[in-house]
Each structure stands twice: as structure tokens, then as C-alpha cells.
Amino acid sequence: MNHKIILFFLITFSSSVFAVDVSNFDIKGVKLNDKYSNIKFPVNCDSPKSNNIGNNRWKYQVVCGGGSGIQMGRELVFNFTHDEIVWSIYREKVFSVKPNFQKIEKQLFVKYGNPTSTGVLKSSYKNPNNIISKSFCWGACKKEHDNDGHFKGSTVYGSKGKSLVVTYHEKNDTYSIWFGLKDTVLEDADSQWARVEYKIFEEKQKEQESNLDL
């Protein structure tokens, strides 16, 4: 057998065998596929945001916190499919002082186990800011490398499937940590459902508007 084929088989096989299953991972007690009606939300959450297509109406998002999060604008965000089950959870915490990162890392590994992939990205000679980003991924992951003069190192992201990504970020005198737990397969299936339902809804509208009632 060709050596390249054997190597490809071993890499594929080992990746599938040792991939971390994040189905039971949680952020603030909430997991992927949890039902909206079964979640006990924190007291500082806004009313749920709703969406509709025709007579189909559902809660698609709940946001919580005081708005100190950098990327999401809020501290905690839950996203739901049309049947109101969780497909993603985002959390961001901003620190008032530089935290003990070794302590943070230990807590992450105790809760979630060893990550599937890790990355460290630092500012380089073209970057006027002092930046360091440490990322961890469990489940379906991918790694991207950077060496463009502005940044040097690598960052890990979630890929197709279920993943948890945690990124600790330092920029000059600001410090934050970001969590993202998501299922892209569930997200894609929900988007496909919405496209089909909207098309059906449009056709029904056309038929109704075509009645002249003569």
C-alpha cells in the first residue's frame, strides 16, 4: 500500500478516535441542544428576542450581562434554533487587572480536560500594540498560522461540527477571556430550514395576493 495513503489513514483514524466530544460541555450550566424552556437564565438577562416566518414564531436569542464584553457587546449570549434548542453559547469576561493565567488555564483543564488543539499568537515588529492571545479548542478544531509582520504564531478555531473555543487576550493594559461553544451542523440545518420555510411562505403570499375576489 502507498505510504501516503497509510499516513492519511492514520491521521484520519487518530483524529476521529481521539477527538473530544463536547456534547456534555457547558457554559454557565447550559449545554448544546438544551431546550429554551428548560434553561434557568441568570437574573441579568434581557427578554428573549423572537423571529417569525409566517405563523412559525420562535425565540432565537437571549443576551445577558452589563455590556462589558468586547466582541459580543454582552457578557453572555445564547442562540437557539427554530425549535428553540441551543446551537451556540458565547461568554466574555473582562478583567479589571491582569489575572493569573496559570490559574485560569488549570481551571479550564480541570473542567473540560486537555484541549484538542492550542495556539499562541503575539504581536510582531509591525504592530504598535503589545498583544498576546492564547487559544484552546476542544472537539472539531482547526489551526491557522500567522507571520505577516503584525502577528506571529497560531490561533485555533472551531471547525465543522461541535467545538468549544476559549481565547485569553491581552492588549496593552486590557485583559479578557472569551468562550464559544457551538454546533455548526445544527446551525446549518436551521439555516436550511429557514430558507425552505421562507420560500414556502413567499409562494403562499403570492397565491393569496393573486386572488382578485371578482
N, C-alpha and C. Protein backbone atom coordinates (compact mmCIF):
# COMPACT_ATOMS: atom_id res chain seq x y z
N MET A 1 0.84 -1.20 0.00
CA MET A 1 0.00 0.00 0.00
C MET A 1 0.88 1.25 0.00
N ASN A 2 0.45 2.26 -0.75
CA ASN A 2 1.20 3.51 -0.83
C ASN A 2 1.37 4.13 0.56
N HIS A 3 2.60 4.61 0.84
CA HIS A 3 2.89 5.17 2.17
C HIS A 3 2.05 6.41 2.46
N LYS A 4 1.75 7.22 1.44
CA LYS A 4 0.94 8.42 1.63
C LYS A 4 -0.48 8.05 2.05
N ILE A 5 -1.00 6.97 1.44
CA ILE A 5 -2.35 6.51 1.78
C ILE A 5 -2.38 6.03 3.23
N ILE A 6 -1.34 5.29 3.64
CA ILE A 6 -1.26 4.80 5.01
C ILE A 6 -1.20 5.96 5.99
N LEU A 7 -0.37 6.98 5.68
CA LEU A 7 -0.24 8.14 6.54
C LEU A 7 -1.56 8.88 6.66
N PHE A 8 -2.26 9.06 5.54
CA PHE A 8 -3.55 9.74 5.55
C PHE A 8 -4.54 8.97 6.41
N PHE A 9 -4.54 7.64 6.29
CA PHE A 9 -5.44 6.80 7.07
C PHE A 9 -5.17 6.93 8.56
N LEU A 10 -3.88 6.93 8.92
CA LEU A 10 -3.51 7.02 10.33
C LEU A 10 -3.92 8.36 10.92
N ILE A 11 -3.70 9.45 10.16
CA ILE A 11 -4.08 10.78 10.64
C ILE A 11 -5.58 10.89 10.80
N THR A 12 -6.32 10.42 9.80
CA THR A 12 -7.78 10.48 9.84
C THR A 12 -8.32 9.63 10.97
N PHE A 13 -7.76 8.41 11.10
CA PHE A 13 -8.22 7.48 12.12
C PHE A 13 -7.96 8.02 13.51
N SER A 14 -6.74 8.52 13.73
CA SER A 14 -6.39 9.02 15.05
C SER A 14 -7.20 10.26 15.41
N SER A 15 -7.49 11.12 14.42
CA SER A 15 -8.28 12.32 14.68
C SER A 15 -9.68 11.96 15.11
N SER A 16 -10.28 10.95 14.45
CA SER A 16 -11.64 10.57 14.78
C SER A 16 -11.71 9.85 16.12
N VAL A 17 -10.68 9.07 16.43
CA VAL A 17 -10.69 8.31 17.67
C VAL A 17 -10.49 9.22 18.87
N PHE A 18 -9.56 10.17 18.75
CA PHE A 18 -9.17 10.97 19.91
C PHE A 18 -9.84 12.34 19.96
N ALA A 19 -10.74 12.64 19.02
CA ALA A 19 -11.45 13.91 19.06
C ALA A 19 -12.30 13.99 20.32
N VAL A 20 -12.29 15.15 20.96
CA VAL A 20 -13.05 15.35 22.19
C VAL A 20 -14.52 15.59 21.86
N ASP A 21 -15.41 14.89 22.55
CA ASP A 21 -16.84 15.10 22.38
C ASP A 21 -17.29 16.19 23.35
N VAL A 22 -17.74 17.32 22.81
CA VAL A 22 -18.11 18.45 23.67
C VAL A 22 -19.61 18.49 23.95
N SER A 23 -20.32 17.43 23.62
CA SER A 23 -21.78 17.41 23.79
C SER A 23 -22.21 17.70 25.22
N ASN A 24 -21.41 17.25 26.19
CA ASN A 24 -21.76 17.46 27.59
C ASN A 24 -21.04 18.64 28.22
N PHE A 25 -20.31 19.42 27.41
CA PHE A 25 -19.66 20.63 27.92
C PHE A 25 -20.74 21.69 28.17
N ASP A 26 -20.50 22.54 29.14
CA ASP A 26 -21.45 23.61 29.42
C ASP A 26 -20.74 24.94 29.63
N ILE A 27 -21.48 26.01 29.42
CA ILE A 27 -21.06 27.35 29.80
C ILE A 27 -22.14 27.89 30.72
N LYS A 28 -21.78 28.16 31.95
CA LYS A 28 -22.73 28.60 32.97
C LYS A 28 -23.90 27.63 33.11
N GLY A 29 -23.60 26.34 33.02
CA GLY A 29 -24.61 25.32 33.23
C GLY A 29 -25.47 24.98 32.04
N VAL A 30 -25.27 25.66 30.89
CA VAL A 30 -26.08 25.42 29.69
C VAL A 30 -25.25 24.68 28.64
N LYS A 31 -25.86 23.65 28.02
CA LYS A 31 -25.19 22.82 27.04
C LYS A 31 -25.82 22.99 25.66
N LEU A 32 -25.11 22.53 24.65
CA LEU A 32 -25.68 22.45 23.31
C LEU A 32 -26.88 21.52 23.34
N ASN A 33 -27.91 21.85 22.58
CA ASN A 33 -29.15 21.06 22.47
C ASN A 33 -30.08 21.20 23.67
N ASP A 34 -29.71 22.03 24.65
CA ASP A 34 -30.65 22.29 25.75
C ASP A 34 -31.86 23.04 25.21
N LYS A 35 -33.02 22.75 25.76
CA LYS A 35 -34.26 23.40 25.35
C LYS A 35 -34.43 24.73 26.08
N TYR A 36 -34.88 25.73 25.35
CA TYR A 36 -35.08 27.06 25.95
C TYR A 36 -35.92 26.97 27.22
N SER A 37 -37.01 26.22 27.16
CA SER A 37 -37.95 26.16 28.29
C SER A 37 -37.34 25.50 29.53
N ASN A 38 -36.22 24.76 29.35
CA ASN A 38 -35.61 24.07 30.49
C ASN A 38 -34.43 24.83 31.09
N ILE A 39 -34.07 25.97 30.50
CA ILE A 39 -32.89 26.71 30.96
C ILE A 39 -33.27 27.70 32.05
N LYS A 40 -32.47 27.72 33.11
CA LYS A 40 -32.63 28.71 34.16
C LYS A 40 -31.62 29.83 33.89
N PHE A 41 -32.10 30.92 33.30
CA PHE A 41 -31.22 32.00 32.89
C PHE A 41 -30.81 32.85 34.09
N PRO A 42 -29.62 33.49 34.01
CA PRO A 42 -29.22 34.43 35.06
C PRO A 42 -30.23 35.57 35.17
N VAL A 43 -30.25 36.23 36.32
CA VAL A 43 -31.25 37.27 36.57
C VAL A 43 -31.01 38.52 35.74
N ASN A 44 -29.78 38.69 35.22
CA ASN A 44 -29.47 39.93 34.48
C ASN A 44 -29.62 39.76 32.97
N CYS A 45 -30.52 38.91 32.54
CA CYS A 45 -30.75 38.69 31.11
C CYS A 45 -31.90 39.54 30.60
N ASP A 46 -31.80 39.98 29.34
CA ASP A 46 -32.89 40.69 28.70
C ASP A 46 -34.00 39.71 28.31
N SER A 47 -35.13 40.26 27.93
CA SER A 47 -36.20 39.42 27.39
C SER A 47 -35.72 38.76 26.10
N PRO A 48 -36.18 37.54 25.82
CA PRO A 48 -35.71 36.84 24.62
C PRO A 48 -36.11 37.58 23.34
N LYS A 49 -35.22 37.53 22.35
CA LYS A 49 -35.53 38.08 21.03
C LYS A 49 -36.23 37.00 20.21
N SER A 50 -37.24 37.42 19.46
CA SER A 50 -38.04 36.46 18.70
C SER A 50 -37.94 36.72 17.20
N ASN A 51 -38.25 35.68 16.44
CA ASN A 51 -38.27 35.77 14.99
C ASN A 51 -39.49 35.02 14.49
N ASN A 52 -39.88 35.25 13.26
CA ASN A 52 -41.02 34.51 12.72
C ASN A 52 -40.93 34.42 11.21
N ILE A 53 -41.48 33.34 10.69
CA ILE A 53 -41.72 33.16 9.25
C ILE A 53 -43.17 32.71 9.13
N GLY A 54 -44.04 33.58 8.66
CA GLY A 54 -45.46 33.25 8.62
C GLY A 54 -45.99 33.02 10.02
N ASN A 55 -46.60 31.87 10.22
CA ASN A 55 -47.16 31.53 11.53
C ASN A 55 -46.13 30.86 12.45
N ASN A 56 -44.96 30.57 11.92
CA ASN A 56 -43.89 30.00 12.75
C ASN A 56 -43.20 31.11 13.52
N ARG A 57 -43.23 31.03 14.82
CA ARG A 57 -42.61 32.05 15.67
C ARG A 57 -41.78 31.36 16.74
N TRP A 58 -40.56 31.87 16.97
CA TRP A 58 -39.69 31.23 17.95
C TRP A 58 -38.74 32.23 18.59
N LYS A 59 -38.23 31.86 19.75
CA LYS A 59 -37.22 32.67 20.44
C LYS A 59 -35.86 32.25 19.91
N TYR A 60 -35.08 33.22 19.41
CA TYR A 60 -33.82 32.86 18.77
C TYR A 60 -32.59 33.31 19.54
N GLN A 61 -32.75 34.21 20.53
CA GLN A 61 -31.57 34.68 21.25
C GLN A 61 -31.93 35.27 22.62
N VAL A 62 -31.05 35.01 23.58
CA VAL A 62 -31.13 35.65 24.89
C VAL A 62 -29.75 36.21 25.21
N VAL A 63 -29.68 37.50 25.58
CA VAL A 63 -28.40 38.12 25.93
C VAL A 63 -28.44 38.56 27.39
N CYS A 64 -27.30 38.44 28.06
CA CYS A 64 -27.23 38.70 29.49
C CYS A 64 -25.98 39.51 29.81
N GLY A 65 -26.04 40.24 30.91
CA GLY A 65 -24.85 40.93 31.41
C GLY A 65 -24.92 42.43 31.24
N GLY A 66 -23.89 43.08 31.74
CA GLY A 66 -23.87 44.53 31.78
C GLY A 66 -23.24 45.20 30.59
N GLY A 67 -22.93 44.45 29.55
CA GLY A 67 -22.40 45.06 28.34
C GLY A 67 -20.91 45.31 28.35
N SER A 68 -20.16 44.63 29.22
CA SER A 68 -18.71 44.85 29.28
C SER A 68 -17.93 43.97 28.31
N GLY A 69 -18.61 43.00 27.70
CA GLY A 69 -17.95 42.14 26.74
C GLY A 69 -17.45 42.92 25.54
N ILE A 70 -16.28 42.54 25.01
CA ILE A 70 -15.68 43.29 23.91
C ILE A 70 -16.24 42.84 22.57
N GLN A 71 -16.13 41.52 22.28
CA GLN A 71 -16.50 41.03 20.94
C GLN A 71 -18.02 41.00 20.75
N MET A 72 -18.75 40.50 21.74
CA MET A 72 -20.18 40.34 21.57
C MET A 72 -20.98 41.55 22.06
N GLY A 73 -20.33 42.44 22.82
CA GLY A 73 -21.05 43.57 23.37
C GLY A 73 -21.83 43.23 24.63
N ARG A 74 -21.94 41.95 24.97
CA ARG A 74 -22.60 41.50 26.19
C ARG A 74 -21.75 40.40 26.81
N GLU A 75 -22.05 40.06 28.06
CA GLU A 75 -21.23 39.07 28.76
C GLU A 75 -21.59 37.63 28.41
N LEU A 76 -22.86 37.40 28.06
CA LEU A 76 -23.34 36.05 27.82
C LEU A 76 -24.43 36.07 26.77
N VAL A 77 -24.30 35.21 25.75
CA VAL A 77 -25.26 35.17 24.66
C VAL A 77 -25.64 33.72 24.35
N PHE A 78 -26.94 33.45 24.32
CA PHE A 78 -27.46 32.12 23.95
C PHE A 78 -28.20 32.24 22.62
N ASN A 79 -27.90 31.36 21.67
CA ASN A 79 -28.60 31.35 20.38
C ASN A 79 -29.36 30.04 20.20
N PHE A 80 -30.58 30.15 19.63
CA PHE A 80 -31.48 29.00 19.53
C PHE A 80 -31.93 28.76 18.09
N THR A 81 -32.24 27.51 17.79
CA THR A 81 -32.83 27.14 16.50
C THR A 81 -34.32 27.46 16.50
N HIS A 82 -34.99 27.19 15.39
CA HIS A 82 -36.43 27.49 15.29
C HIS A 82 -37.27 26.64 16.25
N ASP A 83 -36.74 25.49 16.67
CA ASP A 83 -37.46 24.70 17.66
C ASP A 83 -36.92 24.95 19.07
N GLU A 84 -36.19 26.07 19.20
CA GLU A 84 -35.76 26.61 20.49
C GLU A 84 -34.85 25.67 21.28
N ILE A 85 -33.86 25.12 20.57
CA ILE A 85 -32.79 24.39 21.25
C ILE A 85 -31.47 25.12 20.99
N VAL A 86 -30.56 25.02 21.93
CA VAL A 86 -29.32 25.79 21.88
C VAL A 86 -28.39 25.27 20.78
N TRP A 87 -27.95 26.17 19.89
CA TRP A 87 -26.92 25.78 18.93
C TRP A 87 -25.59 26.49 19.20
N SER A 88 -25.61 27.57 20.01
CA SER A 88 -24.34 28.22 20.39
C SER A 88 -24.50 29.02 21.67
N ILE A 89 -23.39 29.12 22.40
CA ILE A 89 -23.33 29.93 23.61
C ILE A 89 -22.00 30.69 23.57
N TYR A 90 -22.06 31.99 23.84
CA TYR A 90 -20.85 32.81 23.89
C TYR A 90 -20.77 33.51 25.24
N ARG A 91 -19.57 33.55 25.76
CA ARG A 91 -19.36 34.27 27.02
C ARG A 91 -18.05 35.05 26.93
N GLU A 92 -18.06 36.27 27.48
CA GLU A 92 -16.82 37.03 27.56
C GLU A 92 -16.72 37.70 28.92
N LYS A 93 -15.55 37.59 29.51
CA LYS A 93 -15.28 38.22 30.80
C LYS A 93 -14.10 39.16 30.63
N VAL A 94 -14.28 40.40 31.08
CA VAL A 94 -13.22 41.40 31.04
C VAL A 94 -12.67 41.57 32.45
N PHE A 95 -11.36 41.48 32.59
CA PHE A 95 -10.72 41.57 33.90
C PHE A 95 -10.31 43.02 34.19
N SER A 96 -10.42 43.41 35.45
CA SER A 96 -10.04 44.77 35.84
C SER A 96 -8.53 44.91 36.01
N VAL A 97 -7.84 43.79 36.27
CA VAL A 97 -6.38 43.77 36.38
C VAL A 97 -5.88 42.53 35.65
N LYS A 98 -4.58 42.45 35.43
CA LYS A 98 -4.01 41.27 34.78
C LYS A 98 -4.18 40.06 35.68
N PRO A 99 -4.87 39.02 35.21
CA PRO A 99 -5.13 37.86 36.05
C PRO A 99 -3.95 36.88 36.05
N ASN A 100 -4.04 35.90 36.92
CA ASN A 100 -3.07 34.81 36.97
C ASN A 100 -3.46 33.79 35.91
N PHE A 101 -2.80 33.83 34.75
CA PHE A 101 -3.21 32.98 33.64
C PHE A 101 -3.01 31.50 33.94
N GLN A 102 -1.96 31.15 34.69
CA GLN A 102 -1.72 29.74 35.04
C GLN A 102 -2.90 29.18 35.84
N LYS A 103 -3.46 30.00 36.71
CA LYS A 103 -4.62 29.57 37.49
C LYS A 103 -5.84 29.39 36.58
N ILE A 104 -6.01 30.31 35.65
CA ILE A 104 -7.12 30.21 34.69
C ILE A 104 -6.99 28.94 33.85
N GLU A 105 -5.79 28.70 33.33
CA GLU A 105 -5.55 27.52 32.50
C GLU A 105 -5.86 26.24 33.26
N LYS A 106 -5.44 26.17 34.52
CA LYS A 106 -5.69 24.99 35.33
C LYS A 106 -7.19 24.75 35.51
N GLN A 107 -7.94 25.84 35.74
CA GLN A 107 -9.39 25.70 35.90
C GLN A 107 -10.04 25.18 34.61
N LEU A 108 -9.57 25.67 33.48
CA LEU A 108 -10.12 25.22 32.19
C LEU A 108 -9.89 23.73 31.99
N PHE A 109 -8.67 23.27 32.28
CA PHE A 109 -8.32 21.87 32.05
C PHE A 109 -9.02 20.95 33.04
N VAL A 110 -9.24 21.42 34.26
CA VAL A 110 -9.98 20.62 35.24
C VAL A 110 -11.43 20.44 34.79
N LYS A 111 -12.03 21.51 34.26
CA LYS A 111 -13.45 21.46 33.85
C LYS A 111 -13.65 20.72 32.54
N TYR A 112 -12.78 21.00 31.55
CA TYR A 112 -13.02 20.47 30.20
C TYR A 112 -12.04 19.39 29.76
N GLY A 113 -10.99 19.14 30.53
CA GLY A 113 -9.98 18.18 30.11
C GLY A 113 -8.95 18.82 29.20
N ASN A 114 -8.03 18.00 28.69
CA ASN A 114 -6.99 18.52 27.80
C ASN A 114 -7.59 18.92 26.45
N PRO A 115 -7.22 20.08 25.92
CA PRO A 115 -7.78 20.52 24.64
C PRO A 115 -7.29 19.70 23.46
N THR A 116 -8.08 19.72 22.40
CA THR A 116 -7.70 19.06 21.16
C THR A 116 -6.54 19.79 20.49
N SER A 117 -6.56 21.12 20.56
CA SER A 117 -5.53 21.92 19.91
C SER A 117 -5.36 23.24 20.66
N THR A 118 -4.14 23.80 20.61
CA THR A 118 -3.86 25.08 21.26
C THR A 118 -3.08 26.00 20.32
N GLY A 119 -3.11 27.28 20.60
CA GLY A 119 -2.37 28.25 19.80
C GLY A 119 -1.93 29.43 20.63
N VAL A 120 -0.83 30.04 20.23
CA VAL A 120 -0.35 31.27 20.87
C VAL A 120 -0.01 32.26 19.77
N LEU A 121 -0.59 33.45 19.85
CA LEU A 121 -0.37 34.50 18.86
C LEU A 121 0.13 35.76 19.56
N LYS A 122 1.23 36.34 19.04
CA LYS A 122 1.80 37.54 19.65
C LYS A 122 1.97 38.63 18.59
N SER A 123 1.95 39.87 19.05
CA SER A 123 2.20 40.98 18.14
C SER A 123 3.64 40.94 17.67
N SER A 124 3.86 41.37 16.42
CA SER A 124 5.19 41.34 15.84
C SER A 124 5.70 42.76 15.58
N TYR A 125 6.79 42.89 14.83
CA TYR A 125 7.51 44.16 14.72
C TYR A 125 6.71 45.28 14.05
N LYS A 126 5.71 44.95 13.21
CA LYS A 126 4.91 45.98 12.56
C LYS A 126 3.73 46.46 13.41
N ASN A 127 3.50 45.79 14.51
CA ASN A 127 2.34 46.08 15.34
C ASN A 127 2.71 47.03 16.48
N PRO A 128 2.06 48.19 16.58
CA PRO A 128 2.40 49.14 17.65
C PRO A 128 1.87 48.73 19.02
N ASN A 129 0.96 47.76 19.05
CA ASN A 129 0.37 47.31 20.30
C ASN A 129 1.09 46.09 20.86
N ASN A 130 1.03 45.96 22.17
CA ASN A 130 1.58 44.78 22.84
C ASN A 130 0.45 43.78 23.05
N ILE A 131 0.42 42.76 22.19
CA ILE A 131 -0.71 41.82 22.18
C ILE A 131 -0.21 40.39 22.34
N ILE A 132 -0.95 39.63 23.15
CA ILE A 132 -0.73 38.19 23.21
C ILE A 132 -2.09 37.51 23.34
N SER A 133 -2.29 36.47 22.56
CA SER A 133 -3.56 35.74 22.56
C SER A 133 -3.26 34.25 22.68
N LYS A 134 -3.86 33.61 23.66
CA LYS A 134 -3.70 32.17 23.87
C LYS A 134 -5.05 31.50 23.68
N SER A 135 -5.11 30.56 22.74
CA SER A 135 -6.39 29.94 22.40
C SER A 135 -6.35 28.43 22.60
N PHE A 136 -7.51 27.89 22.98
CA PHE A 136 -7.67 26.47 23.25
C PHE A 136 -8.94 25.99 22.56
N CYS A 137 -8.89 24.82 21.97
CA CYS A 137 -10.07 24.28 21.28
C CYS A 137 -10.27 22.82 21.65
N TRP A 138 -11.52 22.48 21.93
CA TRP A 138 -11.93 21.11 22.18
C TRP A 138 -12.94 20.70 21.11
N GLY A 139 -12.87 19.46 20.65
CA GLY A 139 -13.82 18.99 19.65
C GLY A 139 -13.32 19.16 18.24
N ALA A 140 -14.19 19.68 17.35
CA ALA A 140 -13.84 19.89 15.94
C ALA A 140 -13.06 21.20 15.82
N CYS A 141 -11.76 21.11 15.53
CA CYS A 141 -10.88 22.28 15.58
C CYS A 141 -10.05 22.43 14.32
N LYS A 142 -9.59 23.65 14.10
CA LYS A 142 -8.61 23.92 13.05
C LYS A 142 -7.63 24.96 13.57
N LYS A 143 -6.41 24.95 13.03
CA LYS A 143 -5.37 25.88 13.46
C LYS A 143 -4.88 26.69 12.27
N GLU A 144 -4.74 27.99 12.49
CA GLU A 144 -4.21 28.87 11.45
C GLU A 144 -2.94 29.55 11.96
N HIS A 145 -1.93 29.63 11.07
CA HIS A 145 -0.65 30.24 11.43
C HIS A 145 -0.55 31.62 10.80
N ASP A 146 0.16 32.50 11.49
CA ASP A 146 0.30 33.88 11.02
C ASP A 146 1.74 34.34 11.22
N ASN A 147 2.28 35.01 10.21
CA ASN A 147 3.62 35.59 10.32
C ASN A 147 3.75 36.70 9.28
N ASP A 148 2.86 37.69 9.43
CA ASP A 148 2.79 38.75 8.42
C ASP A 148 3.47 40.05 8.86
N GLY A 149 4.21 40.01 9.97
CA GLY A 149 4.84 41.20 10.47
C GLY A 149 4.02 41.91 11.53
N HIS A 150 2.69 41.74 11.47
CA HIS A 150 1.81 42.30 12.50
C HIS A 150 1.62 41.30 13.64
N PHE A 151 1.49 40.01 13.28
CA PHE A 151 1.33 38.96 14.27
C PHE A 151 2.23 37.78 13.92
N LYS A 152 2.58 37.03 14.96
CA LYS A 152 3.39 35.83 14.75
C LYS A 152 2.90 34.73 15.69
N GLY A 153 2.63 33.55 15.12
CA GLY A 153 2.19 32.43 15.94
C GLY A 153 1.00 31.74 15.31
N SER A 154 0.12 31.21 16.15
CA SER A 154 -1.03 30.45 15.65
C SER A 154 -2.25 30.69 16.53
N THR A 155 -3.41 30.47 15.91
CA THR A 155 -4.70 30.59 16.60
C THR A 155 -5.54 29.38 16.25
N VAL A 156 -6.27 28.85 17.22
CA VAL A 156 -7.17 27.73 16.94
C VAL A 156 -8.61 28.21 16.91
N TYR A 157 -9.40 27.59 16.03
CA TYR A 157 -10.80 27.92 15.85
C TYR A 157 -11.62 26.63 15.82
N GLY A 158 -12.93 26.78 15.99
CA GLY A 158 -13.82 25.65 15.78
C GLY A 158 -14.01 25.41 14.30
N SER A 159 -14.17 24.16 13.91
CA SER A 159 -14.43 23.83 12.51
C SER A 159 -15.80 23.16 12.40
N LYS A 160 -16.04 22.42 11.34
CA LYS A 160 -17.35 21.83 11.09
C LYS A 160 -17.70 20.81 12.17
N GLY A 161 -18.78 21.03 12.87
CA GLY A 161 -19.19 20.13 13.94
C GLY A 161 -19.32 20.87 15.26
N LYS A 162 -19.14 20.14 16.36
CA LYS A 162 -19.25 20.72 17.69
C LYS A 162 -17.88 21.09 18.23
N SER A 163 -17.78 22.27 18.81
CA SER A 163 -16.49 22.71 19.35
C SER A 163 -16.69 23.68 20.50
N LEU A 164 -15.69 23.72 21.35
CA LEU A 164 -15.56 24.76 22.36
C LEU A 164 -14.24 25.45 22.13
N VAL A 165 -14.26 26.77 21.99
CA VAL A 165 -13.04 27.55 21.84
C VAL A 165 -12.97 28.56 22.98
N VAL A 166 -11.83 28.61 23.63
CA VAL A 166 -11.59 29.59 24.69
C VAL A 166 -10.34 30.38 24.31
N THR A 167 -10.44 31.71 24.33
CA THR A 167 -9.32 32.57 23.96
C THR A 167 -9.07 33.60 25.06
N TYR A 168 -7.85 33.57 25.58
CA TYR A 168 -7.42 34.58 26.55
C TYR A 168 -6.65 35.65 25.78
N HIS A 169 -6.99 36.93 26.03
CA HIS A 169 -6.46 38.01 25.21
C HIS A 169 -5.90 39.14 26.07
N GLU A 170 -4.66 39.53 25.77
CA GLU A 170 -4.06 40.71 26.39
C GLU A 170 -3.73 41.72 25.29
N LYS A 171 -4.15 42.95 25.50
CA LYS A 171 -3.79 44.03 24.59
C LYS A 171 -3.43 45.25 25.43
N ASN A 172 -2.14 45.57 25.43
CA ASN A 172 -1.63 46.66 26.26
C ASN A 172 -2.03 46.42 27.71
N ASP A 173 -2.95 47.23 28.25
CA ASP A 173 -3.35 47.05 29.65
C ASP A 173 -4.78 46.53 29.79
N THR A 174 -5.30 45.87 28.76
CA THR A 174 -6.64 45.29 28.84
C THR A 174 -6.53 43.77 28.76
N TYR A 175 -7.41 43.08 29.51
CA TYR A 175 -7.32 41.62 29.64
C TYR A 175 -8.74 41.04 29.60
N SER A 176 -8.92 40.01 28.80
CA SER A 176 -10.25 39.40 28.68
C SER A 176 -10.12 37.93 28.31
N ILE A 177 -11.21 37.19 28.52
CA ILE A 177 -11.28 35.79 28.09
C ILE A 177 -12.63 35.57 27.42
N TRP A 178 -12.60 34.83 26.33
CA TRP A 178 -13.80 34.62 25.50
C TRP A 178 -14.04 33.13 25.33
N PHE A 179 -15.31 32.71 25.49
CA PHE A 179 -15.73 31.32 25.31
C PHE A 179 -16.72 31.23 24.15
N GLY A 180 -16.58 30.22 23.33
CA GLY A 180 -17.55 29.97 22.28
C GLY A 180 -17.83 28.48 22.15
N LEU A 181 -19.05 28.06 22.50
CA LEU A 181 -19.48 26.66 22.39
C LEU A 181 -20.56 26.60 21.32
N LYS A 182 -20.31 25.83 20.25
CA LYS A 182 -21.28 25.86 19.15
C LYS A 182 -21.30 24.55 18.38
N ASP A 183 -22.41 24.37 17.65
CA ASP A 183 -22.62 23.20 16.78
C ASP A 183 -22.95 23.73 15.39
N THR A 184 -21.97 23.72 14.48
CA THR A 184 -22.18 24.30 13.16
C THR A 184 -23.12 23.45 12.30
N VAL A 185 -23.19 22.14 12.58
CA VAL A 185 -24.11 21.27 11.82
C VAL A 185 -25.55 21.65 12.14
N LEU A 186 -25.82 21.88 13.43
CA LEU A 186 -27.15 22.30 13.85
C LEU A 186 -27.47 23.69 13.31
N GLU A 187 -26.49 24.56 13.31
CA GLU A 187 -26.67 25.91 12.77
C GLU A 187 -27.02 25.85 11.28
N ASP A 188 -26.28 25.05 10.52
CA ASP A 188 -26.52 24.94 9.08
C ASP A 188 -27.89 24.34 8.78
N ALA A 189 -28.27 23.32 9.55
CA ALA A 189 -29.58 22.68 9.36
C ALA A 189 -30.70 23.67 9.63
N ASP A 190 -30.52 24.51 10.65
CA ASP A 190 -31.54 25.50 10.98
C ASP A 190 -31.64 26.56 9.89
N SER A 191 -30.50 26.97 9.34
CA SER A 191 -30.50 27.95 8.26
C SER A 191 -31.19 27.40 7.02
N GLN A 192 -30.96 26.12 6.73
CA GLN A 192 -31.60 25.47 5.59
C GLN A 192 -33.11 25.41 5.80
N TRP A 193 -33.54 25.06 7.02
CA TRP A 193 -34.97 25.04 7.33
C TRP A 193 -35.59 26.41 7.09
N ALA A 194 -34.92 27.47 7.54
CA ALA A 194 -35.45 28.82 7.39
C ALA A 194 -35.59 29.20 5.92
N ARG A 195 -34.59 28.82 5.10
CA ARG A 195 -34.67 29.13 3.66
C ARG A 195 -35.86 28.43 3.01
N VAL A 196 -36.07 27.17 3.35
CA VAL A 196 -37.19 26.41 2.77
C VAL A 196 -38.52 26.99 3.23
N GLU A 197 -38.64 27.26 4.55
CA GLU A 197 -39.89 27.79 5.08
C GLU A 197 -40.21 29.16 4.51
N TYR A 198 -39.19 29.99 4.32
CA TYR A 198 -39.43 31.31 3.77
C TYR A 198 -39.90 31.23 2.32
N LYS A 199 -39.33 30.28 1.59
CA LYS A 199 -39.76 30.09 0.20
C LYS A 199 -41.22 29.65 0.15
N ILE A 200 -41.60 28.72 1.03
CA ILE A 200 -42.99 28.27 1.10
C ILE A 200 -43.91 29.42 1.47
N PHE A 201 -43.47 30.23 2.44
CA PHE A 201 -44.25 31.38 2.88
C PHE A 201 -44.44 32.38 1.73
N GLU A 202 -43.39 32.62 0.95
CA GLU A 202 -43.49 33.54 -0.19
C GLU A 202 -44.49 33.04 -1.22
N GLU A 203 -44.45 31.73 -1.51
CA GLU A 203 -45.37 31.16 -2.50
C GLU A 203 -46.81 31.29 -2.04
N LYS A 204 -47.05 31.08 -0.74
CA LYS A 204 -48.40 31.22 -0.20
C LYS A 204 -48.88 32.67 -0.31
N GLN A 205 -47.98 33.60 -0.05
CA GLN A 205 -48.32 35.01 -0.17
C GLN A 205 -48.68 35.38 -1.61
N LYS A 206 -47.91 34.85 -2.56
CA LYS A 206 -48.19 35.11 -3.97
C LYS A 206 -49.57 34.61 -4.35
N GLU A 207 -49.91 33.40 -3.88
CA GLU A 207 -51.20 32.81 -4.19
C GLU A 207 -52.34 33.64 -3.59
N GLN A 208 -52.14 34.08 -2.35
CA GLN A 208 -53.18 34.89 -1.69
C GLN A 208 -53.36 36.23 -2.38
N GLU A 209 -52.25 36.85 -2.75
CA GLU A 209 -52.34 38.16 -3.39
C GLU A 209 -52.87 38.08 -4.83
N SER A 210 -52.84 36.88 -5.39
CA SER A 210 -53.32 36.70 -6.77
C SER A 210 -54.83 36.51 -6.84
N ASN A 211 -55.50 36.40 -5.68
CA ASN A 211 -56.97 36.27 -5.66
C ASN A 211 -57.59 37.65 -5.83
N LEU A 212 -58.29 37.87 -6.93
CA LEU A 212 -58.89 39.18 -7.21
C LEU A 212 -60.24 39.37 -6.55
N ASP A 213 -60.84 38.30 -6.06
CA ASP A 213 -62.15 38.37 -5.42
C ASP A 213 -63.15 39.09 -6.33
N LEU A 214 -63.25 38.65 -7.60
CA LEU A 214 -64.15 39.27 -8.58
C LEU A 214 -65.61 38.91 -8.32
